[in-house]
């Protein structure tokens, strides 16, 4: 969670409006903790929880659900973050 959140905060200013930050391994949130018993991450502490916190802090990005819906398989559910277009 913490290092992904730090990366999101660091890279966000570099992303142009309409472009994406893609966060991988968000699917960990949906997997049973027993699948990864010897890991420091798992449900409640993973890239998707970092995405949720980042989105709560930043109104500049949104999950692009339409893009995700076009995919048959992804390890990035909820992780396709599109920078909002600047409105004049």
Protein backbone atom coordinates (compact mmCIF):
# COMPACT_ATOMS: atom_id res chain seq x y z
CA UNK A 1 0.00 0.00 0.00
CA UNK A 2 2.49 2.60 1.14
CA UNK A 3 5.02 2.31 -1.69
CA UNK A 4 2.28 2.21 -4.36
CA UNK A 5 0.65 5.26 -2.82
CA UNK A 6 4.01 7.06 -2.83
CA UNK A 7 4.50 6.16 -6.49
CA UNK A 8 1.04 7.43 -7.40
CA UNK A 9 1.72 10.73 -5.66
CA UNK A 10 5.11 11.04 -7.37
CA UNK A 11 3.99 10.16 -10.90
CA UNK A 12 0.59 11.91 -10.93
CA UNK A 13 1.98 15.37 -11.77
CA UNK A 14 3.76 13.90 -14.81
CA UNK A 15 0.56 12.51 -16.39
CA UNK A 16 -1.09 14.66 -19.05
CA UNK A 17 -4.87 15.18 -19.06
CA UNK A 18 -6.51 12.25 -20.82
CA UNK A 19 -3.50 9.97 -20.19
CA UNK A 20 -3.30 7.11 -17.69
CA UNK A 21 -1.62 5.82 -14.59
CA UNK A 22 -2.05 2.03 -14.58
CA UNK A 23 -1.71 0.23 -11.26
CA UNK A 24 -1.06 -3.50 -11.47
CA UNK A 25 -1.86 -6.20 -8.92
CA UNK A 26 -5.04 -4.54 -7.67
CA UNK A 27 -6.61 -7.99 -7.90
CA UNK A 28 -4.81 -8.94 -4.66
CA UNK A 29 -7.64 -7.25 -2.76
CA UNK A 30 -10.07 -9.90 -4.02
CA UNK A 31 -7.91 -12.94 -3.23
CA UNK A 32 -8.06 -14.91 0.01
CA UNK A 33 -5.29 -14.03 2.46
CA UNK A 34 -4.35 -17.71 2.62
CA UNK A 35 -3.07 -17.51 -0.97
CA UNK A 36 -0.14 -15.38 0.20
CA UNK A 37 0.59 -16.41 3.79
CA UNK A 38 4.26 -15.39 3.89
CA UNK A 39 3.80 -11.96 2.32
CA UNK A 40 3.54 -8.55 3.98
CA UNK A 41 0.67 -7.65 1.63
CA UNK A 42 -2.79 -9.05 1.11
CA UNK A 43 -6.41 -7.95 1.48
CA UNK A 44 -6.46 -4.54 3.14
CA UNK A 45 -2.81 -3.78 2.31
CA UNK A 46 -2.19 -3.80 -1.44
CA UNK A 47 -2.17 -1.69 -4.60
CA UNK A 48 -5.97 -1.36 -4.73
CA UNK A 49 -6.13 0.08 -1.22
CA UNK A 50 -3.45 2.56 -2.31
CA UNK A 51 -5.54 3.47 -5.37
CA UNK A 52 -8.58 4.09 -3.17
CA UNK A 53 -6.62 6.39 -0.87
CA UNK A 54 -5.03 8.20 -3.81
CA UNK A 55 -8.41 8.81 -5.46
CA UNK A 56 -9.78 10.15 -2.17
CA UNK A 57 -6.89 12.64 -2.11
CA UNK A 58 -6.92 13.65 -5.78
CA UNK A 59 -9.82 14.88 -7.87
CA UNK A 60 -7.54 14.90 -10.93
CA UNK A 61 -7.93 11.16 -11.62
CA UNK A 62 -10.80 8.74 -12.08
CA UNK A 63 -11.07 5.00 -12.68
CA UNK A 64 -11.78 4.39 -16.36
CA UNK A 65 -14.33 1.61 -16.00
CA UNK A 66 -15.20 1.73 -19.70
CA UNK A 67 -11.64 0.75 -20.61
CA UNK A 68 -11.63 -2.06 -18.08
CA UNK A 69 -14.98 -3.34 -19.36
CA UNK A 70 -13.43 -3.88 -22.80
CA UNK A 71 -10.89 -6.33 -21.41
CA UNK A 72 -11.56 -10.03 -20.99
CA UNK A 73 -8.92 -10.50 -18.29
CA UNK A 74 -6.99 -8.05 -16.14
CA UNK A 75 -4.84 -8.02 -13.03
CA UNK A 76 -5.64 -4.31 -12.71
CA UNK A 77 -9.32 -4.09 -11.70
CA UNK A 78 -9.98 -0.53 -10.66
CA UNK A 79 -6.40 0.35 -11.59
CA UNK A 80 -6.84 2.17 -14.91
CA UNK A 81 -6.64 5.75 -13.67
CA UNK A 82 -7.31 8.41 -16.27
CA UNK A 83 -6.35 11.99 -15.61
CA UNK A 84 -9.39 14.18 -16.02
CA UNK A 85 -9.44 16.67 -18.84
CA UNK A 86 -8.93 20.27 -17.82
CA UNK A 87 -12.15 22.23 -18.18
CA UNK A 88 -11.97 25.86 -19.17
